[in-house]
C-alpha atoms as a PDB file:
ATOM      1  CA  MET A   1      29.567 -29.518 -21.695  1.00  0.00           C
ATOM      2  CA  GLU A   2      27.443 -26.671 -23.090  1.00  0.00           C
ATOM      3  CA  LEU A   3      23.648 -26.903 -23.291  1.00  0.00           C
ATOM      4  CA  ALA A   4      23.683 -27.033 -27.115  1.00  0.00           C
ATOM      5  CA  GLU A   5      26.092 -30.005 -26.978  1.00  0.00           C
ATOM      6  CA  GLN A   6      23.905 -31.756 -24.401  1.00  0.00           C
ATOM      7  CA  GLU A   7      20.817 -31.282 -26.583  1.00  0.00           C
ATOM      8  CA  ALA A   8      22.600 -32.558 -29.677  1.00  0.00           C
ATOM      9  CA  GLY A   9      24.057 -35.536 -27.831  1.00  0.00           C
ATOM     10  CA  GLY A  10      20.887 -36.562 -26.028  1.00  0.00           C
ATOM     11  CA  ASP A  11      22.324 -35.895 -22.562  1.00  0.00           C
ATOM     12  CA  ALA A  12      19.768 -33.211 -21.670  1.00  0.00           C
ATOM     13  CA  PRO A  13      17.136 -34.060 -19.046  1.00  0.00           C
ATOM     14  CA  ALA A  14      14.012 -35.577 -20.574  1.00  0.00           C
ATOM     15  CA  PRO A  15      10.446 -34.485 -19.745  1.00  0.00           C
ATOM     16  CA  TRP A  16       8.672 -36.275 -16.924  1.00  0.00           C
ATOM     17  CA  GLU A  17       5.453 -38.133 -17.804  1.00  0.00           C
ATOM     18  CA  LEU A  18       2.497 -36.325 -16.206  1.00  0.00           C
ATOM     19  CA  LEU A  19       0.306 -38.992 -14.585  1.00  0.00           C
ATOM     20  CA  ARG A  20      -2.356 -36.754 -13.097  1.00  0.00           C
ATOM     21  CA  SER A  21      -2.979 -33.165 -12.038  1.00  0.00           C
ATOM     22  CA  GLU A  22      -5.248 -32.135  -9.173  1.00  0.00           C
ATOM     23  CA  HIS A  23      -6.500 -28.658  -8.285  1.00  0.00           C
ATOM     24  CA  LEU A  24      -6.000 -28.078  -4.549  1.00  0.00           C
ATOM     25  CA  ALA A  25      -6.872 -24.472  -3.660  1.00  0.00           C
ATOM     26  CA  ASP A  26      -7.616 -20.963  -4.954  1.00  0.00           C
ATOM     27  CA  TYR A  27      -6.282 -17.819  -3.348  1.00  0.00           C
ATOM     28  CA  GLU A  28      -6.634 -14.175  -4.319  1.00  0.00           C
ATOM     29  CA  MET A  29      -3.528 -14.030  -6.522  1.00  0.00           C
ATOM     30  CA  PHE A  30      -2.810 -17.687  -7.268  1.00  0.00           C
ATOM     31  CA  ALA A  31      -4.127 -21.253  -7.324  1.00  0.00           C
ATOM     32  CA  VAL A  32      -2.304 -24.419  -6.229  1.00  0.00           C
ATOM     33  CA  ARG A  33      -2.296 -27.766  -8.001  1.00  0.00           C
ATOM     34  CA  ARG A  34      -0.545 -31.076  -7.320  1.00  0.00           C
ATOM     35  CA  ASP A  35       1.015 -32.873 -10.284  1.00  0.00           C
ATOM     36  CA  ARG A  36       1.995 -36.541 -10.072  1.00  0.00           C
ATOM     37  CA  ALA A  37       4.785 -37.341 -12.515  1.00  0.00           C
ATOM     38  CA  ARG A  38       7.109 -40.212 -13.418  1.00  0.00           C
ATOM     39  CA  SER A  39      10.861 -39.796 -13.741  1.00  0.00           C
ATOM     40  CA  PRO A  40      12.207 -40.736 -17.200  1.00  0.00           C
ATOM     41  CA  ARG A  41      15.517 -41.586 -15.567  1.00  0.00           C
ATOM     42  CA  ASN A  42      14.472 -44.159 -12.982  1.00  0.00           C
ATOM     43  CA  GLY A  43      10.671 -44.561 -13.265  1.00  0.00           C
ATOM     44  CA  THR A  44       9.901 -43.319  -9.743  1.00  0.00           C
ATOM     45  CA  GLU A  45       6.802 -41.237  -9.139  1.00  0.00           C
ATOM     46  CA  GLN A  46       6.852 -37.867  -7.364  1.00  0.00           C
ATOM     47  CA  ASP A  47       4.319 -35.184  -6.375  1.00  0.00           C
ATOM     48  CA  PHE A  48       5.026 -31.564  -7.386  1.00  0.00           C
ATOM     49  CA  HIS A  49       3.053 -28.625  -5.981  1.00  0.00           C
ATOM     50  CA  VAL A  50       2.648 -25.820  -8.482  1.00  0.00           C
ATOM     51  CA  ALA A  51       1.470 -22.254  -7.937  1.00  0.00           C
ATOM     52  CA  GLU A  52      -0.494 -20.978 -10.942  1.00  0.00           C
ATOM     53  CA  ALA A  53      -0.666 -17.191 -11.253  1.00  0.00           C
ATOM     54  CA  PRO A  54      -1.245 -14.748 -14.077  1.00  0.00           C
ATOM     55  CA  ASP A  55       1.666 -13.384 -16.025  1.00  0.00           C
ATOM     56  CA  GLY A  56       3.066 -10.010 -15.088  1.00  0.00           C
ATOM     57  CA  VAL A  57       4.957  -7.101 -16.552  1.00  0.00           C
ATOM     58  CA  THR A  58       7.743  -4.850 -15.281  1.00  0.00           C
ATOM     59  CA  LEU A  59       8.951  -1.575 -16.762  1.00  0.00           C
ATOM     60  CA  VAL A  60      12.427  -0.222 -17.216  1.00  0.00           C
ATOM     61  CA  ALA A  61      11.415   3.369 -17.912  1.00  0.00           C
ATOM     62  CA  THR A  62      13.779   6.288 -18.362  1.00  0.00           C
ATOM     63  CA  THR A  63      13.001   9.955 -18.851  1.00  0.00           C
ATOM     64  CA  ALA A  64      14.466  12.184 -21.574  1.00  0.00           C
ATOM     65  CA  ALA A  65      16.978  13.352 -18.939  1.00  0.00           C
ATOM     66  CA  GLY A  66      18.154   9.718 -18.424  1.00  0.00           C
ATOM     67  CA  GLU A  67      16.513   9.203 -15.066  1.00  0.00           C
ATOM     68  CA  LEU A  68      15.089   5.807 -14.195  1.00  0.00           C
ATOM     69  CA  VAL A  69      11.441   5.869 -13.061  1.00  0.00           C
ATOM     70  CA  LEU A  70      11.100   3.656  -9.974  1.00  0.00           C
ATOM     71  CA  VAL A  71       8.519   3.159  -7.238  1.00  0.00           C
ATOM     72  CA  GLU A  72       8.949   2.759  -3.495  1.00  0.00           C
ATOM     73  CA  GLN A  73       6.346   0.697  -1.713  1.00  0.00           C
ATOM     74  CA  PHE A  74       5.758  -1.258   1.452  1.00  0.00           C
ATOM     75  CA  ARG A  75       5.959  -5.011   0.831  1.00  0.00           C
ATOM     76  CA  HIS A  76       4.027  -7.032   3.386  1.00  0.00           C
ATOM     77  CA  PRO A  77       5.967 -10.328   3.099  1.00  0.00           C
ATOM     78  CA  LEU A  78       9.248  -8.499   3.791  1.00  0.00           C
ATOM     79  CA  ARG A  79       7.713  -5.967   6.238  1.00  0.00           C
ATOM     80  CA  ARG A  80       9.747  -3.151   4.680  1.00  0.00           C
ATOM     81  CA  VAL A  81       9.770  -0.569   1.883  1.00  0.00           C
ATOM     82  CA  THR A  82      11.370  -1.643  -1.392  1.00  0.00           C
ATOM     83  CA  LEU A  83      12.649   0.295  -4.418  1.00  0.00           C
ATOM     84  CA  GLU A  84      11.494  -1.416  -7.617  1.00  0.00           C
ATOM     85  CA  THR A  85      10.728  -1.021 -11.278  1.00  0.00           C
ATOM     86  CA  PRO A  86       6.969  -0.386 -11.835  1.00  0.00           C
ATOM     87  CA  SER A  87       5.306  -3.788 -12.156  1.00  0.00           C
ATOM     88  CA  GLY A  88       1.962  -5.487 -12.133  1.00  0.00           C
ATOM     89  CA  VAL A  89      -0.291  -8.299 -13.306  1.00  0.00           C
ATOM     90  CA  MET A  90      -1.317  -8.449 -16.932  1.00  0.00           C
ATOM     91  CA  ASP A  91      -5.045  -8.294 -17.680  1.00  0.00           C
ATOM     92  CA  PRO A  92      -6.509 -11.027 -19.945  1.00  0.00           C
ATOM     93  CA  GLY A  93      -5.914 -10.191 -23.602  1.00  0.00           C
ATOM     94  CA  GLU A  94      -3.301  -7.495 -22.961  1.00  0.00           C
ATOM     95  CA  SER A  95       0.005  -7.569 -24.773  1.00  0.00           C
ATOM     96  CA  PRO A  96       3.131  -6.987 -22.662  1.00  0.00           C
ATOM     97  CA  VAL A  97       3.485  -3.461 -24.111  1.00  0.00           C
ATOM     98  CA  GLU A  98      -0.171  -2.591 -23.400  1.00  0.00           C
ATOM     99  CA  ALA A  99       0.124  -3.907 -19.835  1.00  0.00           C
ATOM    100  CA  GLY A 100       3.423  -2.144 -19.331  1.00  0.00           C
ATOM    101  CA  LEU A 101       2.157   1.230 -20.442  1.00  0.00           C
ATOM    102  CA  ARG A 102      -0.945   0.806 -18.273  1.00  0.00           C
ATOM    103  CA  GLU A 103       1.124  -0.112 -15.192  1.00  0.00           C
ATOM    104  CA  LEU A 104       3.487   2.793 -15.799  1.00  0.00           C
ATOM    105  CA  ARG A 105       0.554   5.221 -15.946  1.00  0.00           C
ATOM    106  CA  GLU A 106      -1.267   3.701 -12.947  1.00  0.00           C
ATOM    107  CA  GLU A 107       1.725   3.397 -10.617  1.00  0.00           C
ATOM    108  CA  THR A 108       3.670   6.514 -11.579  1.00  0.00           C
ATOM    109  CA  GLY A 109       1.475   8.844 -13.593  1.00  0.00           C
ATOM    110  CA  TYR A 110       4.083   8.728 -16.363  1.00  0.00           C
ATOM    111  CA  VAL A 111       3.278   7.998 -19.979  1.00  0.00           C
ATOM    112  CA  ALA A 112       5.352   7.219 -23.064  1.00  0.00           C
ATOM    113  CA  GLY A 113       4.892   7.235 -26.795  1.00  0.00           C
ATOM    114  CA  HIS A 114       7.024   4.192 -27.489  1.00  0.00           C
ATOM    115  CA  ALA A 115       7.649   0.993 -25.578  1.00  0.00           C
ATOM    116  CA  GLU A 116       9.466  -2.223 -26.519  1.00  0.00           C
ATOM    117  CA  HIS A 117       9.032  -5.782 -25.146  1.00  0.00           C
ATOM    118  CA  VAL A 118      12.657  -6.944 -24.703  1.00  0.00           C
ATOM    119  CA  GLY A 119      12.211 -10.330 -23.056  1.00  0.00           C
ATOM    120  CA  THR A 120      10.404 -12.600 -20.676  1.00  0.00           C
ATOM    121  CA  LEU A 121      11.544 -13.947 -17.290  1.00  0.00           C
ATOM    122  CA  THR A 122      10.265 -17.037 -15.549  1.00  0.00           C
ATOM    123  CA  LEU A 123       9.637 -15.947 -11.980  1.00  0.00           C
ATOM    124  CA  ASN A 124      10.493 -19.194 -10.205  1.00  0.00           C
ATOM    125  CA  PRO A 125      10.147 -22.250 -12.471  1.00  0.00           C
ATOM    126  CA  SER A 126      10.750 -24.701  -9.627  1.00  0.00           C
ATOM    127  CA  TRP A 127       7.233 -24.129  -8.274  1.00  0.00           C
ATOM    128  CA  GLN A 128       5.478 -21.322 -10.220  1.00  0.00           C
ATOM    129  CA  THR A 129       3.984 -20.872 -13.687  1.00  0.00           C
ATOM    130  CA  THR A 130       4.333 -17.074 -13.687  1.00  0.00           C
ATOM    131  CA  ARG A 131       6.259 -15.271 -16.397  1.00  0.00           C
ATOM    132  CA  VAL A 132       7.178 -11.591 -16.172  1.00  0.00           C
ATOM    133  CA  HIS A 133       7.505  -9.618 -19.406  1.00  0.00           C
ATOM    134  CA  VAL A 134      10.091  -6.825 -19.483  1.00  0.00           C
ATOM    135  CA  VAL A 135       9.140  -3.667 -21.274  1.00  0.00           C
ATOM    136  CA  VAL A 136      11.552  -0.804 -21.931  1.00  0.00           C
ATOM    137  CA  VAL A 137      10.439   2.830 -22.264  1.00  0.00           C
ATOM    138  CA  ARG A 138      12.972   5.534 -23.073  1.00  0.00           C
ATOM    139  CA  ASP A 139      10.870   8.695 -23.170  1.00  0.00           C
ATOM    140  CA  ALA A 140       8.731   8.553 -20.031  1.00  0.00           C
ATOM    141  CA  ARG A 141       7.189  11.840 -18.963  1.00  0.00           C
ATOM    142  CA  PRO A 142       4.801  12.789 -16.147  1.00  0.00           C
ATOM    143  CA  ARG A 143       1.206  13.245 -17.273  1.00  0.00           C
ATOM    144  CA  ALA A 144      -1.054  12.771 -14.257  1.00  0.00           C
ATOM    145  CA  GLU A 145      -1.156  11.685 -10.660  1.00  0.00           C
ATOM    146  CA  PRO A 146      -0.553   7.973 -10.013  1.00  0.00           C
ATOM    147  CA  GLU A 147      -3.649   5.783  -9.612  1.00  0.00           C
ATOM    148  CA  PRO A 148      -2.546   2.944  -7.378  1.00  0.00           C
ATOM    149  CA  ASP A 149      -4.769  -0.008  -6.501  1.00  0.00           C
ATOM    150  CA  GLU A 150      -6.533  -0.028  -3.126  1.00  0.00           C
ATOM    151  CA  ALA A 151      -3.798  -2.204  -1.611  1.00  0.00           C
ATOM    152  CA  GLU A 152      -0.914  -0.058  -2.918  1.00  0.00           C
ATOM    153  CA  ASP A 153       0.791   2.939  -1.353  1.00  0.00           C
ATOM    154  CA  LEU A 154       3.446   4.069  -3.817  1.00  0.00           C
ATOM    155  CA  ARG A 155       5.943   6.880  -4.104  1.00  0.00           C
ATOM    156  CA  VAL A 156       7.611   7.664  -7.442  1.00  0.00           C
ATOM    157  CA  ARG A 157      11.400   7.944  -7.315  1.00  0.00           C
ATOM    158  CA  LEU A 158      13.594   9.207 -10.143  1.00  0.00           C
ATOM    159  CA  LEU A 159      17.119   7.777 -10.082  1.00  0.00           C
ATOM    160  CA  PRO A 160      19.986   8.899 -12.294  1.00  0.00           C
ATOM    161  CA  ALA A 161      20.790   5.952 -14.548  1.00  0.00           C
ATOM    162  CA  GLY A 162      24.433   6.123 -13.461  1.00  0.00           C
ATOM    163  CA  GLU A 163      23.379   5.147  -9.920  1.00  0.00           C
ATOM    164  CA  VAL A 164      21.595   1.911 -10.829  1.00  0.00           C
ATOM    165  CA  GLN A 165      24.531  -0.469 -10.517  1.00  0.00           C
ATOM    166  CA  ARG A 166      25.631   1.024  -7.206  1.00  0.00           C
ATOM    167  CA  ARG A 167      22.077   0.814  -5.787  1.00  0.00           C
ATOM    168  CA  VAL A 168      21.765  -2.821  -6.870  1.00  0.00           C
ATOM    169  CA  ALA A 169      25.192  -3.690  -5.412  1.00  0.00           C
ATOM    170  CA  ALA A 170      24.261  -1.926  -2.150  1.00  0.00           C
ATOM    171  CA  GLY A 171      21.045  -3.951  -1.876  1.00  0.00           C
ATOM    172  CA  GLU A 172      18.829  -0.879  -2.225  1.00  0.00           C
ATOM    173  CA  ILE A 173      17.267  -2.389  -5.360  1.00  0.00           C
ATOM    174  CA  ASP A 174      16.974  -6.081  -4.507  1.00  0.00           C
ATOM    175  CA  ALA A 175      13.701  -7.395  -5.976  1.00  0.00           C
ATOM    176  CA  CYS A 176      14.852 -10.120  -8.379  1.00  0.00           C
ATOM    177  CA  VAL A 177      12.440  -9.095 -11.107  1.00  0.00           C
ATOM    178  CA  SER A 178      13.674  -5.489 -11.020  1.00  0.00           C
ATOM    179  CA  VAL A 179      17.337  -6.522 -10.995  1.00  0.00           C
ATOM    180  CA  ALA A 180      16.832  -9.018 -13.863  1.00  0.00           C
ATOM    181  CA  ALA A 181      14.783  -6.508 -15.862  1.00  0.00           C
ATOM    182  CA  LEU A 182      17.483  -3.821 -15.458  1.00  0.00           C
ATOM    183  CA  ALA A 183      20.137  -6.313 -16.629  1.00  0.00           C
ATOM    184  CA  LEU A 184      18.018  -7.424 -19.573  1.00  0.00           C
ATOM    185  CA  ALA A 185      17.335  -3.824 -20.584  1.00  0.00           C
ATOM    186  CA  ARG A 186      21.030  -2.996 -20.349  1.00  0.00           C
ATOM    187  CA  TRP A 187      22.516  -6.031 -22.104  1.00  0.00           C
ATOM    188  CA  GLY A 188      19.593  -7.515 -24.007  1.00  0.00           C
ATOM    189  CA  ALA A 189      18.191  -4.383 -25.611  1.00  0.00           C
ATOM    190  CA  GLY A 190      21.527  -2.883 -26.592  1.00  0.00           C
ATOM    191  CA  GLY A 191      21.757   0.044 -24.242  1.00  0.00           C
ATOM    192  CA  ALA A 192      22.143   0.929 -20.568  1.00  0.00           C
ATOM    193  CA  PRO A 193      19.153   2.280 -18.724  1.00  0.00           C
END
């Protein structure tokens, strides 16, 4: 049964009643809370731990020559270098396009005259509140040296757009946000990166 049929027929899961919410801890990039909720199906109560973090943005940026602008960087949780779309945390009050253009400039030194917000991804809705906005830029051009944060060590990589699918399939581009953003840019915005 399709989701629309479930919604129309009342078979879709119902919201759980939130009984209480308790702040547990603050960390540099996220806070943790514990929600106590009641199941609408059987009335049982359950605790859910939730990581609260600011929304982010990721860029699918191509040059006039059709090259994809990516960044390589060492990722501490994985203990290896990854190849990803430029990404970062949104500042309070920024729109996805403003944040995207800022992150593109800071991480790569590239700028663009036009950017489009093509969609929003929920990072991991089973335990996180974070959403990642996908911004597409089709005319990126180098303007200055990158200005990474203190904790970043980045290298800009230009990849011919025709290689994207092969690199994803080979596991060379494996960050879920990058892969989902590339797919959204390709199928959601009406054109392949």
